[in-house]
PDB file of N, CA and C in Angstrom:
ATOM      1  N   UNK A   1     112.060  71.462  78.473  1.00  0.00           N
ATOM      2  CA  UNK A   1     110.495  71.923  78.603  1.00  0.00           C
ATOM      3  C   UNK A   1     110.435  73.398  78.476  1.00  0.00           C
ATOM      4  N   UNK A   2     111.180  74.182  79.373  1.00  0.00           N
ATOM      5  CA  UNK A   2     111.002  75.621  79.707  1.00  0.00           C
ATOM      6  C   UNK A   2     111.030  76.286  78.432  1.00  0.00           C
ATOM      7  N   UNK A   3     112.516  75.671  77.491  1.00  0.00           N
ATOM      8  CA  UNK A   3     112.867  76.438  76.460  1.00  0.00           C
ATOM      9  C   UNK A   3     111.632  76.098  75.203  1.00  0.00           C
ATOM     10  N   UNK A   4     111.064  74.921  75.335  1.00  0.00           N
ATOM     11  CA  UNK A   4     109.977  74.826  74.449  1.00  0.00           C
ATOM     12  C   UNK A   4     108.615  75.953  74.526  1.00  0.00           C
ATOM     13  N   UNK A   5     108.204  75.954  75.766  1.00  0.00           N
ATOM     14  CA  UNK A   5     107.268  76.947  76.322  1.00  0.00           C
ATOM     15  C   UNK A   5     107.827  78.453  75.777  1.00  0.00           C
ATOM     16  N   UNK A   6     108.935  78.623  76.116  1.00  0.00           N
ATOM     17  CA  UNK A   6     109.472  79.928  75.710  1.00  0.00           C
ATOM     18  C   UNK A   6     109.285  80.520  74.127  1.00  0.00           C
ATOM     19  N   UNK A   7     109.796  79.335  73.678  1.00  0.00           N
ATOM     20  CA  UNK A   7     109.804  79.559  71.885  1.00  0.00           C
ATOM     21  C   UNK A   7     108.283  79.775  71.687  1.00  0.00           C
ATOM     22  N   UNK A   8     107.285  78.862  72.117  1.00  0.00           N
ATOM     23  CA  UNK A   8     106.029  79.065  71.854  1.00  0.00           C
ATOM     24  C   UNK A   8     105.625  80.380  72.031  1.00  0.00           C
ATOM     25  N   UNK A   9     105.692  80.837  73.268  1.00  0.00           N
ATOM     26  CA  UNK A   9     105.114  82.285  73.640  1.00  0.00           C
ATOM     27  C   UNK A   9     106.015  83.423  72.583  1.00  0.00           C
ATOM     28  N   UNK A  10     106.987  82.874  72.228  1.00  0.00           N
ATOM     29  CA  UNK A  10     107.722  84.059  71.380  1.00  0.00           C
ATOM     30  C   UNK A  10     106.875  84.321  69.843  1.00  0.00           C
ATOM     31  N   UNK A  11     106.472  82.623  69.492  1.00  0.00           N
ATOM     32  CA  UNK A  11     105.832  82.756  68.027  1.00  0.00           C
ATOM     33  C   UNK A  11     104.569  83.239  68.508  1.00  0.00           C
ATOM     34  N   UNK A  12     103.649  83.168  69.608  1.00  0.00           N
ATOM     35  CA  UNK A  12     102.701  83.765  69.728  1.00  0.00           C
ATOM     36  C   UNK A  12     102.530  85.145  69.612  1.00  0.00           C
ATOM     37  N   UNK A  13     103.360  85.910  70.037  1.00  0.00           N
ATOM     38  CA  UNK A  13     103.690  87.263  70.117  1.00  0.00           C
ATOM     39  C   UNK A  13     104.083  87.747  69.095  1.00  0.00           C
ATOM     40  N   UNK A  14     104.646  86.919  68.028  1.00  0.00           N
ATOM     41  CA  UNK A  14     105.044  87.370  66.612  1.00  0.00           C
ATOM     42  C   UNK A  14     103.832  87.218  65.619  1.00  0.00           C
ATOM     43  N   UNK A  15     102.748  86.044  66.078  1.00  0.00           N
ATOM     44  CA  UNK A  15     101.592  86.011  65.142  1.00  0.00           C
ATOM     45  C   UNK A  15     100.589  87.322  65.352  1.00  0.00           C
ATOM     46  N   UNK A  16     100.664  87.630  67.137  1.00  0.00           N
ATOM     47  CA  UNK A  16      99.581  88.714  67.292  1.00  0.00           C
ATOM     48  C   UNK A  16     100.132  90.009  66.827  1.00  0.00           C
ATOM     49  N   UNK A  17     101.467  90.077  66.956  1.00  0.00           N
ATOM     50  CA  UNK A  17     102.041  91.221  66.431  1.00  0.00           C
ATOM     51  C   UNK A  17     101.451  91.455  64.885  1.00  0.00           C
ATOM     52  N   UNK A  18     101.639  90.228  63.752  1.00  0.00           N
ATOM     53  CA  UNK A  18     101.071  90.642  62.592  1.00  0.00           C
ATOM     54  C   UNK A  18      99.532  90.793  62.667  1.00  0.00           C
ATOM     55  N   UNK A  19      98.621  90.306  63.655  1.00  0.00           N
ATOM     56  CA  UNK A  19      97.590  90.454  63.600  1.00  0.00           C
ATOM     57  C   UNK A  19      97.024  91.995  63.894  1.00  0.00           C
ATOM     58  N   UNK A  20      97.870  93.036  64.558  1.00  0.00           N
ATOM     59  CA  UNK A  20      97.390  93.736  65.056  1.00  0.00           C
ATOM     60  C   UNK A  20      97.657  94.766  63.746  1.00  0.00           C
ATOM     61  N   UNK A  21      98.844  94.445  63.137  1.00  0.00           N
ATOM     62  CA  UNK A  21      99.161  95.297  61.723  1.00  0.00           C
ATOM     63  C   UNK A  21      98.270  95.120  60.828  1.00  0.00           C
ATOM     64  N   UNK A  22      97.340  94.135  60.686  1.00  0.00           N
ATOM     65  CA  UNK A  22      96.542  93.616  59.698  1.00  0.00           C
ATOM     66  C   UNK A  22      95.235  94.984  59.713  1.00  0.00           C
ATOM     67  N   UNK A  23      94.729  95.023  58.184  1.00  0.00           N
ATOM     68  CA  UNK A  23      93.625  96.112  58.292  1.00  0.00           C
ATOM     69  C   UNK A  23      92.559  95.343  58.782  1.00  0.00           C
ATOM     70  N   UNK A  24      92.511  94.053  58.345  1.00  0.00           N
ATOM     71  CA  UNK A  24      90.808  93.305  58.613  1.00  0.00           C
ATOM     72  C   UNK A  24      91.550  92.354  59.812  1.00  0.00           C
ATOM     73  N   UNK A  25      91.087  92.558  60.772  1.00  0.00           N
ATOM     74  CA  UNK A  25      91.554  92.061  61.890  1.00  0.00           C
ATOM     75  C   UNK A  25      90.601  90.570  62.006  1.00  0.00           C
ATOM     76  N   UNK A  26      91.296  89.305  62.552  1.00  0.00           N
ATOM     77  CA  UNK A  26      90.571  88.281  62.728  1.00  0.00           C
ATOM     78  C   UNK A  26      90.056  88.300  64.370  1.00  0.00           C
ATOM     79  N   UNK A  27      88.898  87.795  64.308  1.00  0.00           N
ATOM     80  CA  UNK A  27      87.926  87.825  65.481  1.00  0.00           C
ATOM     81  C   UNK A  27      88.190  86.416  66.218  1.00  0.00           C
ATOM     82  N   UNK A  28      88.630  86.599  67.377  1.00  0.00           N
ATOM     83  CA  UNK A  28      88.948  85.340  67.952  1.00  0.00           C
ATOM     84  C   UNK A  28      87.836  85.030  69.281  1.00  0.00           C
ATOM     85  N   UNK A  29      87.657  83.758  69.666  1.00  0.00           N
ATOM     86  CA  UNK A  29      86.838  83.468  70.541  1.00  0.00           C
ATOM     87  C   UNK A  29      87.695  83.666  72.075  1.00  0.00           C
ATOM     88  N   UNK A  30      87.246  84.003  72.983  1.00  0.00           N
ATOM     89  CA  UNK A  30      87.696  84.039  74.557  1.00  0.00           C
ATOM     90  C   UNK A  30      86.905  83.878  75.486  1.00  0.00           C
ATOM     91  N   UNK A  31      87.439  83.706  76.791  1.00  0.00           N
ATOM     92  CA  UNK A  31      86.659  83.334  78.039  1.00  0.00           C
ATOM     93  C   UNK A  31      87.161  84.405  78.976  1.00  0.00           C
ATOM     94  N   UNK A  32      86.365  85.305  79.701  1.00  0.00           N
ATOM     95  CA  UNK A  32      86.959  86.160  80.762  1.00  0.00           C
ATOM     96  C   UNK A  32      87.185  85.439  81.799  1.00  0.00           C
ATOM     97  N   UNK A  33      88.354  85.527  82.029  1.00  0.00           N
ATOM     98  CA  UNK A  33      89.172  84.856  83.266  1.00  0.00           C
ATOM     99  C   UNK A  33      89.067  85.787  84.750  1.00  0.00           C
ATOM    100  N   UNK A  34      89.114  86.757  84.379  1.00  0.00           N
ATOM    101  CA  UNK A  34      89.411  87.881  85.474  1.00  0.00           C
ATOM    102  C   UNK A  34      88.596  89.041  85.432  1.00  0.00           C
ATOM    103  N   UNK A  35      88.090  89.364  86.513  1.00  0.00           N
ATOM    104  CA  UNK A  35      87.480  91.087  86.116  1.00  0.00           C
ATOM    105  C   UNK A  35      87.905  92.008  87.330  1.00  0.00           C
ATOM    106  N   UNK A  36      88.704  93.115  86.883  1.00  0.00           N
ATOM    107  CA  UNK A  36      89.278  94.178  87.812  1.00  0.00           C
ATOM    108  C   UNK A  36      88.809  95.534  87.401  1.00  0.00           C
ATOM    109  N   UNK A  37      88.781  96.400  88.230  1.00  0.00           N
ATOM    110  CA  UNK A  37      88.472  97.842  87.831  1.00  0.00           C
ATOM    111  C   UNK A  37      89.058  98.619  86.740  1.00  0.00           C
ATOM    112  N   UNK A  38      89.985  97.788  86.103  1.00  0.00           N
ATOM    113  CA  UNK A  38      90.874  98.384  85.027  1.00  0.00           C
ATOM    114  C   UNK A  38      90.740  97.616  83.622  1.00  0.00           C
ATOM    115  N   UNK A  39      89.794  96.457  83.734  1.00  0.00           N
ATOM    116  CA  UNK A  39      89.531  95.632  82.769  1.00  0.00           C
ATOM    117  C   UNK A  39      89.532  94.213  83.118  1.00  0.00           C
ATOM    118  N   UNK A  40      89.313  93.446  81.816  1.00  0.00           N
ATOM    119  CA  UNK A  40      89.253  91.993  81.774  1.00  0.00           C
ATOM    120  C   UNK A  40      90.084  91.327  81.376  1.00  0.00           C
ATOM    121  N   UNK A  41      90.639  90.318  81.996  1.00  0.00           N
ATOM    122  CA  UNK A  41      91.559  89.126  81.493  1.00  0.00           C
ATOM    123  C   UNK A  41      90.805  88.141  81.004  1.00  0.00           C
ATOM    124  N   UNK A  42      91.351  87.814  79.778  1.00  0.00           N
ATOM    125  CA  UNK A  42      90.672  87.180  78.835  1.00  0.00           C
ATOM    126  C   UNK A  42      91.630  85.831  78.498  1.00  0.00           C
ATOM    127  N   UNK A  43      91.237  84.938  77.929  1.00  0.00           N
ATOM    128  CA  UNK A  43      91.931  83.532  77.686  1.00  0.00           C
ATOM    129  C   UNK A  43      91.384  83.039  76.517  1.00  0.00           C
ATOM    130  N   UNK A  44      92.219  82.762  75.432  1.00  0.00           N
ATOM    131  CA  UNK A  44      91.723  82.084  74.281  1.00  0.00           C
ATOM    132  C   UNK A  44      92.250  80.385  74.613  1.00  0.00           C
ATOM    133  N   UNK A  45      90.873  79.602  74.888  1.00  0.00           N
ATOM    134  CA  UNK A  45      91.138  78.456  75.253  1.00  0.00           C
ATOM    135  C   UNK A  45      91.874  77.217  74.237  1.00  0.00           C
ATOM    136  N   UNK A  46      91.851  77.555  72.864  1.00  0.00           N
ATOM    137  CA  UNK A  46      92.326  76.958  71.696  1.00  0.00           C
ATOM    138  C   UNK A  46      93.872  77.215  71.809  1.00  0.00           C
ATOM    139  N   UNK A  47      94.221  78.074  72.217  1.00  0.00           N
ATOM    140  CA  UNK A  47      95.620  78.639  72.010  1.00  0.00           C
ATOM    141  C   UNK A  47      96.421  78.737  73.512  1.00  0.00           C
ATOM    142  N   UNK A  48      95.749  78.592  74.428  1.00  0.00           N
ATOM    143  CA  UNK A  48      96.245  78.886  75.365  1.00  0.00           C
ATOM    144  C   UNK A  48      96.834  80.175  75.675  1.00  0.00           C
ATOM    145  N   UNK A  49      96.135  81.407  75.407  1.00  0.00           N
ATOM    146  CA  UNK A  49      96.522  82.494  75.094  1.00  0.00           C
ATOM    147  C   UNK A  49      95.843  83.607  75.962  1.00  0.00           C
ATOM    148  N   UNK A  50      96.838  84.561  76.609  1.00  0.00           N
ATOM    149  CA  UNK A  50      96.100  85.165  77.662  1.00  0.00           C
ATOM    150  C   UNK A  50      96.214  86.600  77.343  1.00  0.00           C
ATOM    151  N   UNK A  51      95.211  87.526  77.798  1.00  0.00           N
ATOM    152  CA  UNK A  51      95.662  89.123  77.696  1.00  0.00           C
ATOM    153  C   UNK A  51      94.660  89.894  78.127  1.00  0.00           C
ATOM    154  N   UNK A  52      94.585  91.177  78.073  1.00  0.00           N
ATOM    155  CA  UNK A  52      93.891  91.859  78.895  1.00  0.00           C
ATOM    156  C   UNK A  52      93.163  93.104  77.786  1.00  0.00           C
ATOM    157  N   UNK A  53      91.631  92.928  78.159  1.00  0.00           N
ATOM    158  CA  UNK A  53      91.041  93.796  77.330  1.00  0.00           C
ATOM    159  C   UNK A  53      90.666  94.939  78.729  1.00  0.00           C
ATOM    160  N   UNK A  54      91.318  95.856  78.178  1.00  0.00           N
ATOM    161  CA  UNK A  54      91.593  97.439  78.938  1.00  0.00           C
ATOM    162  C   UNK A  54      90.374  98.066  79.117  1.00  0.00           C
ATOM    163  N   UNK A  55      89.890  98.898  79.975  1.00  0.00           N
ATOM    164  CA  UNK A  55      88.460  99.468  80.417  1.00  0.00           C
ATOM    165  C   UNK A  55      88.592 100.538  79.284  1.00  0.00           C
ATOM    166  N   UNK A  56      89.546 101.169  79.019  1.00  0.00           N
ATOM    167  CA  UNK A  56      89.349 102.229  77.828  1.00  0.00           C
ATOM    168  C   UNK A  56      89.039 101.830  76.516  1.00  0.00           C
ATOM    169  N   UNK A  57      89.101 100.581  76.389  1.00  0.00           N
ATOM    170  CA  UNK A  57      88.452 100.005  74.813  1.00  0.00           C
ATOM    171  C   UNK A  57      87.064  99.851  74.803  1.00  0.00           C
ATOM    172  N   UNK A  58      86.457  99.792  75.983  1.00  0.00           N
ATOM    173  CA  UNK A  58      85.112  99.616  75.811  1.00  0.00           C
ATOM    174  C   UNK A  58      84.197 100.546  75.583  1.00  0.00           C
ATOM    175  N   UNK A  59      83.797 100.917  74.550  1.00  0.00           N
ATOM    176  CA  UNK A  59      83.423 102.089  73.954  1.00  0.00           C
ATOM    177  C   UNK A  59      81.685 101.753  74.136  1.00  0.00           C
ATOM    178  N   UNK A  60      81.164 103.146  74.022  1.00  0.00           N
ATOM    179  CA  UNK A  60      79.695 103.379  74.005  1.00  0.00           C
ATOM    180  C   UNK A  60      79.125 103.302  75.448  1.00  0.00           C
ATOM    181  N   UNK A  61      79.603 103.128  76.550  1.00  0.00           N
ATOM    182  CA  UNK A  61      79.423 103.162  77.780  1.00  0.00           C
ATOM    183  C   UNK A  61      80.314 103.284  78.585  1.00  0.00           C
ATOM    184  N   UNK A  62      80.059 103.877  79.939  1.00  0.00           N
ATOM    185  CA  UNK A  62      81.073 103.688  81.347  1.00  0.00           C
ATOM    186  C   UNK A  62      80.613 102.586  81.841  1.00  0.00           C
ATOM    187  N   UNK A  63      81.472 101.637  82.135  1.00  0.00           N
ATOM    188  CA  UNK A  63      81.447 100.137  82.548  1.00  0.00           C
ATOM    189  C   UNK A  63      82.248 100.132  84.415  1.00  0.00           C
ATOM    190  N   UNK A  64      81.430  99.759  85.017  1.00  0.00           N
ATOM    191  CA  UNK A  64      81.806  99.781  86.561  1.00  0.00           C
ATOM    192  C   UNK A  64      81.742  98.439  87.038  1.00  0.00           C
ATOM    193  N   UNK A  65      82.889  98.299  88.125  1.00  0.00           N
ATOM    194  CA  UNK A  65      82.876  96.767  88.578  1.00  0.00           C
ATOM    195  C   UNK A  65      81.821  96.826  89.682  1.00  0.00           C
ATOM    196  N   UNK A  66      81.001  95.438  89.559  1.00  0.00           N
ATOM    197  CA  UNK A  66      80.090  95.092  90.397  1.00  0.00           C
ATOM    198  C   UNK A  66      80.590  94.823  91.960  1.00  0.00           C
ATOM    199  N   UNK A  67      79.924  95.077  92.858  1.00  0.00           N
ATOM    200  CA  UNK A  67      80.092  94.871  94.301  1.00  0.00           C
ATOM    201  C   UNK A  67      81.020  93.673  94.612  1.00  0.00           C
ATOM    202  N   UNK A  68      80.596  92.443  93.903  1.00  0.00           N
ATOM    203  CA  UNK A  68      81.108  91.139  94.298  1.00  0.00           C
ATOM    204  C   UNK A  68      82.488  90.992  93.343  1.00  0.00           C
ATOM    205  N   UNK A  69      82.774  91.949  92.403  1.00  0.00           N
ATOM    206  CA  UNK A  69      84.034  92.044  91.789  1.00  0.00           C
ATOM    207  C   UNK A  69      83.877  90.957  90.693  1.00  0.00           C
ATOM    208  N   UNK A  70      82.892  90.643  90.240  1.00  0.00           N
ATOM    209  CA  UNK A  70      82.564  89.510  89.049  1.00  0.00           C
ATOM    210  C   UNK A  70      82.078  90.010  87.864  1.00  0.00           C
ATOM    211  N   UNK A  71      82.077  91.270  87.749  1.00  0.00           N
ATOM    212  CA  UNK A  71      81.538  91.573  86.467  1.00  0.00           C
ATOM    213  C   UNK A  71      81.623  93.026  86.130  1.00  0.00           C
ATOM    214  N   UNK A  72      81.749  93.472  84.900  1.00  0.00           N
ATOM    215  CA  UNK A  72      81.777  94.853  84.651  1.00  0.00           C
ATOM    216  C   UNK A  72      80.670  95.167  84.331  1.00  0.00           C
ATOM    217  N   UNK A  73      79.442  96.218  84.613  1.00  0.00           N
ATOM    218  CA  UNK A  73      78.421  96.659  84.127  1.00  0.00           C
ATOM    219  C   UNK A  73      78.236  97.989  83.490  1.00  0.00           C
ATOM    220  N   UNK A  74      77.869  98.107  82.200  1.00  0.00           N
ATOM    221  CA  UNK A  74      77.436  99.470  81.677  1.00  0.00           C
ATOM    222  C   UNK A  74      76.708 100.306  82.699  1.00  0.00           C
ATOM    223  N   UNK A  75      76.972 101.328  82.746  1.00  0.00           N
ATOM    224  CA  UNK A  75      76.154 102.402  83.732  1.00  0.00           C
ATOM    225  C   UNK A  75      74.812 102.501  82.772  1.00  0.00           C
ATOM    226  N   UNK A  76      74.854 102.901  81.554  1.00  0.00           N
ATOM    227  CA  UNK A  76      73.409 103.118  80.909  1.00  0.00           C
ATOM    228  C   UNK A  76      72.791 102.029  80.301  1.00  0.00           C
ATOM    229  N   UNK A  77      73.496 100.984  79.781  1.00  0.00           N
ATOM    230  CA  UNK A  77      73.044 100.087  78.880  1.00  0.00           C
ATOM    231  C   UNK A  77      73.059  98.590  79.765  1.00  0.00           C
ATOM    232  N   UNK A  78      73.283  98.781  80.745  1.00  0.00           N
ATOM    233  CA  UNK A  78      73.277  97.707  81.820  1.00  0.00           C
ATOM    234  C   UNK A  78      73.832  96.195  81.197  1.00  0.00           C
ATOM    235  N   UNK A  79      74.645  96.484  80.186  1.00  0.00           N
ATOM    236  CA  UNK A  79      75.267  95.112  79.495  1.00  0.00           C
ATOM    237  C   UNK A  79      76.456  94.850  80.609  1.00  0.00           C
ATOM    238  N   UNK A  80      76.390  93.572  80.557  1.00  0.00           N
ATOM    239  CA  UNK A  80      77.307  92.740  81.703  1.00  0.00           C
ATOM    240  C   UNK A  80      78.190  91.990  81.155  1.00  0.00           C
ATOM    241  N   UNK A  81      79.457  92.261  81.526  1.00  0.00           N
ATOM    242  CA  UNK A  81      80.683  91.234  81.036  1.00  0.00           C
ATOM    243  C   UNK A  81      81.194  90.613  82.152  1.00  0.00           C
ATOM    244  N   UNK A  82      80.498  89.229  82.455  1.00  0.00           N
ATOM    245  CA  UNK A  82      80.647  88.395  83.690  1.00  0.00           C
ATOM    246  C   UNK A  82      81.807  87.563  83.713  1.00  0.00           C
ATOM    247  N   UNK A  83      82.230  87.036  84.524  1.00  0.00           N
ATOM    248  CA  UNK A  83      83.419  86.440  84.822  1.00  0.00           C
ATOM    249  C   UNK A  83      83.111  84.868  84.416  1.00  0.00           C
ATOM    250  N   UNK A  84      83.838  84.145  83.283  1.00  0.00           N
ATOM    251  CA  UNK A  84      83.479  83.099  82.791  1.00  0.00           C
ATOM    252  C   UNK A  84      82.541  83.034  81.445  1.00  0.00           C
ATOM    253  N   UNK A  85      82.070  84.416  81.215  1.00  0.00           N
ATOM    254  CA  UNK A  85      81.446  84.782  79.842  1.00  0.00           C
ATOM    255  C   UNK A  85      82.274  84.391  78.568  1.00  0.00           C
ATOM    256  N   UNK A  86      81.636  83.938  77.621  1.00  0.00           N
ATOM    257  CA  UNK A  86      82.590  84.108  76.294  1.00  0.00           C
ATOM    258  C   UNK A  86      82.164  84.976  75.219  1.00  0.00           C
ATOM    259  N   UNK A  87      83.402  85.520  74.918  1.00  0.00           N
ATOM    260  CA  UNK A  87      83.269  86.772  74.209  1.00  0.00           C
ATOM    261  C   UNK A  87      84.112  86.660  72.982  1.00  0.00           C
ATOM    262  N   UNK A  88      83.930  87.879  71.983  1.00  0.00           N
ATOM    263  CA  UNK A  88      84.707  87.751  70.776  1.00  0.00           C
ATOM    264  C   UNK A  88      85.681  88.910  70.962  1.00  0.00           C
ATOM    265  N   UNK A  89      87.071  88.620  70.500  1.00  0.00           N
ATOM    266  CA  UNK A  89      87.855  89.858  70.514  1.00  0.00           C
ATOM    267  C   UNK A  89      88.826  89.843  69.602  1.00  0.00           C
ATOM    268  N   UNK A  90      89.534  90.933  69.389  1.00  0.00           N
ATOM    269  CA  UNK A  90      90.739  91.218  68.178  1.00  0.00           C
ATOM    270  C   UNK A  90      91.824  91.650  68.883  1.00  0.00           C
ATOM    271  N   UNK A  91      93.045  91.184  68.575  1.00  0.00           N
ATOM    272  CA  UNK A  91      94.112  91.918  69.129  1.00  0.00           C
ATOM    273  C   UNK A  91      94.363  93.213  68.844  1.00  0.00           C
ATOM    274  N   UNK A  92      94.699  94.180  69.951  1.00  0.00           N
ATOM    275  CA  UNK A  92      94.552  95.651  70.017  1.00  0.00           C
ATOM    276  C   UNK A  92      96.293  96.126  69.942  1.00  0.00           C
ATOM    277  N   UNK A  93      97.090  95.499  70.798  1.00  0.00           N
ATOM    278  CA  UNK A  93      98.623  95.638  71.077  1.00  0.00           C
ATOM    279  C   UNK A  93      99.296  94.919  71.560  1.00  0.00           C
ATOM    280  N   UNK A  94     100.745  94.611  71.024  1.00  0.00           N
ATOM    281  CA  UNK A  94     101.307  93.758  71.797  1.00  0.00           C
ATOM    282  C   UNK A  94     102.623  94.127  72.063  1.00  0.00           C
ATOM    283  N   UNK A  95     103.167  93.892  73.288  1.00  0.00           N
ATOM    284  CA  UNK A  95     104.425  94.390  73.712  1.00  0.00           C
ATOM    285  C   UNK A  95     105.346  93.069  74.251  1.00  0.00           C
ATOM    286  N   UNK A  96     106.079  92.962  73.181  1.00  0.00           N
ATOM    287  CA  UNK A  96     106.894  91.884  73.123  1.00  0.00           C
ATOM    288  C   UNK A  96     107.971  92.059  74.522  1.00  0.00           C
ATOM    289  N   UNK A  97     108.684  92.756  74.666  1.00  0.00           N
ATOM    290  CA  UNK A  97     109.632  93.180  75.737  1.00  0.00           C
ATOM    291  C   UNK A  97     108.828  92.616  76.916  1.00  0.00           C
ATOM    292  N   UNK A  98     107.379  93.137  77.534  1.00  0.00           N
ATOM    293  CA  UNK A  98     106.793  92.565  78.731  1.00  0.00           C
ATOM    294  C   UNK A  98     105.993  91.200  78.524  1.00  0.00           C
ATOM    295  N   UNK A  99     106.110  90.960  77.113  1.00  0.00           N
ATOM    296  CA  UNK A  99     105.406  89.542  76.791  1.00  0.00           C
ATOM    297  C   UNK A  99     104.111  89.636  77.139  1.00  0.00           C
ATOM    298  N   UNK A 100     103.000  90.924  76.619  1.00  0.00           N
ATOM    299  CA  UNK A 100     101.902  90.967  77.105  1.00  0.00           C
ATOM    300  C   UNK A 100     100.762  91.334  75.703  1.00  0.00           C
ATOM    301  N   UNK A 101      99.914  91.002  75.643  1.00  0.00           N
ATOM    302  CA  UNK A 101      98.960  91.085  74.541  1.00  0.00           C
ATOM    303  C   UNK A 101      97.652  91.835  75.286  1.00  0.00           C
ATOM    304  N   UNK A 102      97.324  92.937  74.433  1.00  0.00           N
ATOM    305  CA  UNK A 102      96.109  93.402  74.850  1.00  0.00           C
ATOM    306  C   UNK A 102      94.874  93.247  73.570  1.00  0.00           C
ATOM    307  N   UNK A 103      93.788  93.169  74.150  1.00  0.00           N
ATOM    308  CA  UNK A 103      92.825  92.589  73.235  1.00  0.00           C
ATOM    309  C   UNK A 103      91.608  93.998  73.261  1.00  0.00           C
ATOM    310  N   UNK A 104      90.887  93.868  72.149  1.00  0.00           N
ATOM    311  CA  UNK A 104      89.535  94.656  72.802  1.00  0.00           C
ATOM    312  C   UNK A 104      88.480  93.772  72.235  1.00  0.00           C
ATOM    313  N   UNK A 105      87.278  94.095  72.511  1.00  0.00           N
ATOM    314  CA  UNK A 105      86.160  93.508  72.255  1.00  0.00           C
ATOM    315  C   UNK A 105      85.811  93.493  70.684  1.00  0.00           C
ATOM    316  N   UNK A 106      85.462  92.388  69.855  1.00  0.00           N
ATOM    317  CA  UNK A 106      84.857  92.680  68.579  1.00  0.00           C
ATOM    318  C   UNK A 106      83.831  93.439  68.396  1.00  0.00           C
ATOM    319  N   UNK A 107      83.616  93.903  67.275  1.00  0.00           N
ATOM    320  CA  UNK A 107      82.317  94.844  66.873  1.00  0.00           C
ATOM    321  C   UNK A 107      81.378  93.816  66.748  1.00  0.00           C
TER     322      UNK A 107
END
């Protein structure tokens, strides 16, 4: 069972590695599962894939963590990215060695 999970993870990393290389990125639905001062952890419920939307990829505003630690809020726009919110993301970077996927918000 462990070997099966491991091979699924490797195949997912290969898939997202190809997505990063594509010119026309595929947009994926995701849910915010954790909010930190350095970014948002998201999960794709359909594929059970998780990753990070790093704070540096949030363009157009300066986002700050709210006091409760449940949302990033745009300083000027007041746009909120809340825990549990559904968002659209695209693959930004894949680190096969660390087995991590970085996403960014879809335009």
